[in-house]
């Protein structure tokens, strides 16, 4: 994991992964919870947070 706070925020803040096609998308967490964000690739609305390495 990156030790610099700015780099960590750039890589992981507001990043989500589609549960069906594994595409990464950056979006507001409140919109994800409300279901307002769709995947660009498969058009589904199910996301999970990006796992930090």
PDB file of N, CA and C in Angstrom:
ATOM      1  N   UNK A   1       0.839  -1.177   0.000  1.00  0.00           N
ATOM      2  CA  UNK A   1       0.000   0.000   0.000  1.00  0.00           C
ATOM      3  C   UNK A   1       0.883   1.240   0.000  1.00  0.00           C
ATOM      4  N   UNK A   2       0.458   2.248  -0.695  1.00  0.00           N
ATOM      5  CA  UNK A   2       1.222   3.489  -0.776  1.00  0.00           C
ATOM      6  C   UNK A   2       1.276   4.183   0.575  1.00  0.00           C
ATOM      7  N   UNK A   3       2.430   4.723   0.919  1.00  0.00           N
ATOM      8  CA  UNK A   3       2.588   5.373   2.212  1.00  0.00           C
ATOM      9  C   UNK A   3       2.246   6.854   2.155  1.00  0.00           C
ATOM     10  N   UNK A   4       2.190   7.406   0.974  1.00  0.00           N
ATOM     11  CA  UNK A   4       1.871   8.824   0.833  1.00  0.00           C
ATOM     12  C   UNK A   4       0.357   8.976   0.752  1.00  0.00           C
ATOM     13  N   UNK A   5      -0.180   9.846   1.588  1.00  0.00           N
ATOM     14  CA  UNK A   5      -1.628  10.015   1.680  1.00  0.00           C
ATOM     15  C   UNK A   5      -2.251  10.450   0.352  1.00  0.00           C
ATOM     16  N   UNK A   6      -1.594  11.347  -0.359  1.00  0.00           N
ATOM     17  CA  UNK A   6      -2.143  11.825  -1.634  1.00  0.00           C
ATOM     18  C   UNK A   6      -2.223  10.697  -2.656  1.00  0.00           C
ATOM     19  N   UNK A   7      -1.194   9.856  -2.680  1.00  0.00           N
ATOM     20  CA  UNK A   7      -1.197   8.738  -3.627  1.00  0.00           C
ATOM     21  C   UNK A   7      -2.271   7.721  -3.262  1.00  0.00           C
ATOM     22  N   UNK A   8      -2.439   7.454  -1.976  1.00  0.00           N
ATOM     23  CA  UNK A   8      -3.470   6.521  -1.531  1.00  0.00           C
ATOM     24  C   UNK A   8      -4.853   7.028  -1.912  1.00  0.00           C
ATOM     25  N   UNK A   9      -5.102   8.300  -1.705  1.00  0.00           N
ATOM     26  CA  UNK A   9      -6.398   8.873  -2.078  1.00  0.00           C
ATOM     27  C   UNK A   9      -6.630   8.791  -3.575  1.00  0.00           C
ATOM     28  N   UNK A  10      -5.601   9.062  -4.352  1.00  0.00           N
ATOM     29  CA  UNK A  10      -5.743   9.030  -5.806  1.00  0.00           C
ATOM     30  C   UNK A  10      -6.064   7.613  -6.299  1.00  0.00           C
ATOM     31  N   UNK A  11      -5.468   6.612  -5.677  1.00  0.00           N
ATOM     32  CA  UNK A  11      -5.651   5.239  -6.136  1.00  0.00           C
ATOM     33  C   UNK A  11      -6.934   4.584  -5.628  1.00  0.00           C
ATOM     34  N   UNK A  12      -7.349   4.910  -4.397  1.00  0.00           N
ATOM     35  CA  UNK A  12      -8.429   4.144  -3.786  1.00  0.00           C
ATOM     36  C   UNK A  12      -9.671   4.931  -3.411  1.00  0.00           C
ATOM     37  N   UNK A  13      -9.625   6.258  -3.360  1.00  0.00           N
ATOM     38  CA  UNK A  13     -10.776   7.022  -2.904  1.00  0.00           C
ATOM     39  C   UNK A  13     -11.878   7.015  -3.966  1.00  0.00           C
ATOM     40  N   UNK A  14     -13.084   6.650  -3.548  1.00  0.00           N
ATOM     41  CA  UNK A  14     -14.276   6.628  -4.401  1.00  0.00           C
ATOM     42  C   UNK A  14     -14.144   5.671  -5.582  1.00  0.00           C
ATOM     43  N   UNK A  15     -13.335   4.614  -5.441  1.00  0.00           N
ATOM     44  CA  UNK A  15     -13.189   3.622  -6.508  1.00  0.00           C
ATOM     45  C   UNK A  15     -14.030   2.395  -6.161  1.00  0.00           C
ATOM     46  N   UNK A  16     -14.764   1.911  -7.136  1.00  0.00           N
ATOM     47  CA  UNK A  16     -15.608   0.738  -6.960  1.00  0.00           C
ATOM     48  C   UNK A  16     -15.402  -0.210  -8.130  1.00  0.00           C
ATOM     49  N   UNK A  17     -15.733  -1.491  -7.913  1.00  0.00           N
ATOM     50  CA  UNK A  17     -15.562  -2.520  -8.930  1.00  0.00           C
ATOM     51  C   UNK A  17     -16.914  -3.173  -9.182  1.00  0.00           C
ATOM     52  N   UNK A  18     -17.253  -3.326 -10.450  1.00  0.00           N
ATOM     53  CA  UNK A  18     -18.498  -4.003 -10.818  1.00  0.00           C
ATOM     54  C   UNK A  18     -18.397  -5.467 -10.410  1.00  0.00           C
ATOM     55  N   UNK A  19     -19.433  -5.978  -9.785  1.00  0.00           N
ATOM     56  CA  UNK A  19     -19.406  -7.363  -9.320  1.00  0.00           C
ATOM     57  C   UNK A  19     -19.569  -8.357 -10.464  1.00  0.00           C
ATOM     58  N   UNK A  20     -20.075  -7.920 -11.592  1.00  0.00           N
ATOM     59  CA  UNK A  20     -20.272  -8.850 -12.695  1.00  0.00           C
ATOM     60  C   UNK A  20     -19.080  -8.881 -13.648  1.00  0.00           C
ATOM     61  N   UNK A  21     -18.626  -7.708 -14.118  1.00  0.00           N
ATOM     62  CA  UNK A  21     -17.586  -7.689 -15.151  1.00  0.00           C
ATOM     63  C   UNK A  21     -16.236  -7.207 -14.644  1.00  0.00           C
ATOM     64  N   UNK A  22     -16.128  -6.861 -13.355  1.00  0.00           N
ATOM     65  CA  UNK A  22     -14.867  -6.471 -12.707  1.00  0.00           C
ATOM     66  C   UNK A  22     -14.268  -5.177 -13.264  1.00  0.00           C
ATOM     67  N   UNK A  23     -15.087  -4.295 -13.796  1.00  0.00           N
ATOM     68  CA  UNK A  23     -14.622  -3.011 -14.297  1.00  0.00           C
ATOM     69  C   UNK A  23     -14.552  -1.999 -13.160  1.00  0.00           C
ATOM     70  N   UNK A  24     -13.468  -1.204 -13.127  1.00  0.00           N
ATOM     71  CA  UNK A  24     -13.323  -0.182 -12.096  1.00  0.00           C
ATOM     72  C   UNK A  24     -14.027   1.096 -12.529  1.00  0.00           C
ATOM     73  N   UNK A  25     -14.660   1.761 -11.555  1.00  0.00           N
ATOM     74  CA  UNK A  25     -15.335   3.030 -11.822  1.00  0.00           C
ATOM     75  C   UNK A  25     -15.171   3.924 -10.602  1.00  0.00           C
ATOM     76  N   UNK A  26     -14.992   5.213 -10.844  1.00  0.00           N
ATOM     77  CA  UNK A  26     -14.891   6.182  -9.753  1.00  0.00           C
ATOM     78  C   UNK A  26     -16.227   6.905  -9.649  1.00  0.00           C
ATOM     79  N   UNK A  27     -16.842   6.835  -8.452  1.00  0.00           N
ATOM     80  CA  UNK A  27     -18.146   7.461  -8.252  1.00  0.00           C
ATOM     81  C   UNK A  27     -18.322   7.803  -6.784  1.00  0.00           C
ATOM     82  N   UNK A  28     -19.290   8.655  -6.513  1.00  0.00           N
ATOM     83  CA  UNK A  28     -19.623   9.043  -5.148  1.00  0.00           C
ATOM     84  C   UNK A  28     -20.264   7.856  -4.421  1.00  0.00           C
ATOM     85  N   UNK A  29     -19.805   7.546  -3.203  1.00  0.00           N
ATOM     86  CA  UNK A  29     -20.370   6.398  -2.480  1.00  0.00           C
ATOM     87  C   UNK A  29     -21.873   6.489  -2.223  1.00  0.00           C
ATOM     88  N   UNK A  30     -22.395   7.691  -2.022  1.00  0.00           N
ATOM     89  CA  UNK A  30     -23.833   7.841  -1.802  1.00  0.00           C
ATOM     90  C   UNK A  30     -24.623   7.462  -3.054  1.00  0.00           C
ATOM     91  N   UNK A  31     -24.105   7.798  -4.232  1.00  0.00           N
ATOM     92  CA  UNK A  31     -24.782   7.428  -5.474  1.00  0.00           C
ATOM     93  C   UNK A  31     -24.740   5.924  -5.700  1.00  0.00           C
ATOM     94  N   UNK A  32     -23.639   5.289  -5.292  1.00  0.00           N
ATOM     95  CA  UNK A  32     -23.521   3.839  -5.411  1.00  0.00           C
ATOM     96  C   UNK A  32     -24.578   3.162  -4.527  1.00  0.00           C
ATOM     97  N   UNK A  33     -24.730   3.649  -3.297  1.00  0.00           N
ATOM     98  CA  UNK A  33     -25.698   3.059  -2.378  1.00  0.00           C
ATOM     99  C   UNK A  33     -27.137   3.255  -2.854  1.00  0.00           C
ATOM    100  N   UNK A  34     -27.413   4.387  -3.493  1.00  0.00           N
ATOM    101  CA  UNK A  34     -28.764   4.648  -3.996  1.00  0.00           C
ATOM    102  C   UNK A  34     -29.056   3.909  -5.300  1.00  0.00           C
ATOM    103  N   UNK A  35     -28.022   3.394  -5.962  1.00  0.00           N
ATOM    104  CA  UNK A  35     -28.215   2.688  -7.231  1.00  0.00           C
ATOM    105  C   UNK A  35     -28.308   3.607  -8.419  1.00  0.00           C
ATOM    106  N   UNK A  36     -27.745   4.795  -8.328  1.00  0.00           N
ATOM    107  CA  UNK A  36     -27.822   5.762  -9.421  1.00  0.00           C
ATOM    108  C   UNK A  36     -26.702   5.595 -10.441  1.00  0.00           C
ATOM    109  N   UNK A  37     -25.711   4.753 -10.133  1.00  0.00           N
ATOM    110  CA  UNK A  37     -24.555   4.594 -11.015  1.00  0.00           C
ATOM    111  C   UNK A  37     -24.646   3.255 -11.721  1.00  0.00           C
ATOM    112  N   UNK A  38     -24.398   3.264 -13.024  1.00  0.00           N
ATOM    113  CA  UNK A  38     -24.403   2.039 -13.813  1.00  0.00           C
ATOM    114  C   UNK A  38     -22.998   1.758 -14.322  1.00  0.00           C
ATOM    115  N   UNK A  39     -22.706   0.497 -14.514  1.00  0.00           N
ATOM    116  CA  UNK A  39     -21.431   0.094 -15.108  1.00  0.00           C
ATOM    117  C   UNK A  39     -21.436   0.490 -16.585  1.00  0.00           C
ATOM    118  N   UNK A  40     -20.311   1.010 -17.055  1.00  0.00           N
ATOM    119  CA  UNK A  40     -20.216   1.423 -18.460  1.00  0.00           C
ATOM    120  C   UNK A  40     -20.224   0.234 -19.409  1.00  0.00           C
ATOM    121  N   UNK A  41     -19.739  -0.888 -18.913  1.00  0.00           N
ATOM    122  CA  UNK A  41     -19.538  -2.049 -19.777  1.00  0.00           C
ATOM    123  C   UNK A  41     -20.764  -2.959 -19.844  1.00  0.00           C
ATOM    124  N   UNK A  42     -21.314  -3.335 -18.661  1.00  0.00           N
ATOM    125  CA  UNK A  42     -22.403  -4.315 -18.638  1.00  0.00           C
ATOM    126  C   UNK A  42     -23.739  -3.727 -18.191  1.00  0.00           C
ATOM    127  N   UNK A  43     -23.772  -2.457 -17.811  1.00  0.00           N
ATOM    128  CA  UNK A  43     -24.993  -1.729 -17.431  1.00  0.00           C
ATOM    129  C   UNK A  43     -25.652  -2.229 -16.141  1.00  0.00           C
ATOM    130  N   UNK A  44     -24.919  -2.970 -15.305  1.00  0.00           N
ATOM    131  CA  UNK A  44     -25.460  -3.418 -14.019  1.00  0.00           C
ATOM    132  C   UNK A  44     -25.231  -2.340 -12.967  1.00  0.00           C
ATOM    133  N   UNK A  45     -25.899  -2.479 -11.815  1.00  0.00           N
ATOM    134  CA  UNK A  45     -25.796  -1.474 -10.753  1.00  0.00           C
ATOM    135  C   UNK A  45     -25.220  -2.048  -9.459  1.00  0.00           C
ATOM    136  N   UNK A  46     -24.531  -3.166  -9.527  1.00  0.00           N
ATOM    137  CA  UNK A  46     -23.962  -3.794  -8.329  1.00  0.00           C
ATOM    138  C   UNK A  46     -22.454  -3.572  -8.290  1.00  0.00           C
ATOM    139  N   UNK A  47     -21.991  -2.905  -7.231  1.00  0.00           N
ATOM    140  CA  UNK A  47     -20.582  -2.572  -7.086  1.00  0.00           C
ATOM    141  C   UNK A  47     -20.087  -2.969  -5.707  1.00  0.00           C
ATOM    142  N   UNK A  48     -18.773  -3.115  -5.602  1.00  0.00           N
ATOM    143  CA  UNK A  48     -18.110  -3.343  -4.321  1.00  0.00           C
ATOM    144  C   UNK A  48     -16.934  -2.379  -4.248  1.00  0.00           C
ATOM    145  N   UNK A  49     -16.463  -2.054  -3.039  1.00  0.00           N
ATOM    146  CA  UNK A  49     -15.303  -1.181  -2.924  1.00  0.00           C
ATOM    147  C   UNK A  49     -14.039  -1.865  -3.461  1.00  0.00           C
ATOM    148  N   UNK A  50     -13.102  -1.082  -3.922  1.00  0.00           N
ATOM    149  CA  UNK A  50     -11.830  -1.602  -4.416  1.00  0.00           C
ATOM    150  C   UNK A  50     -10.986  -2.057  -3.235  1.00  0.00           C
ATOM    151  N   UNK A  51     -10.419  -3.245  -3.298  1.00  0.00           N
ATOM    152  CA  UNK A  51      -9.592  -3.778  -2.228  1.00  0.00           C
ATOM    153  C   UNK A  51      -8.200  -3.149  -2.273  1.00  0.00           C
ATOM    154  N   UNK A  52      -7.712  -2.733  -1.131  1.00  0.00           N
ATOM    155  CA  UNK A  52      -6.370  -2.175  -1.056  1.00  0.00           C
ATOM    156  C   UNK A  52      -5.354  -3.287  -0.975  1.00  0.00           C
ATOM    157  N   UNK A  53      -4.286  -3.157  -1.742  1.00  0.00           N
ATOM    158  CA  UNK A  53      -3.251  -4.203  -1.765  1.00  0.00           C
ATOM    159  C   UNK A  53      -2.257  -4.004  -0.660  1.00  0.00           C
TER     160      UNK A  53
END
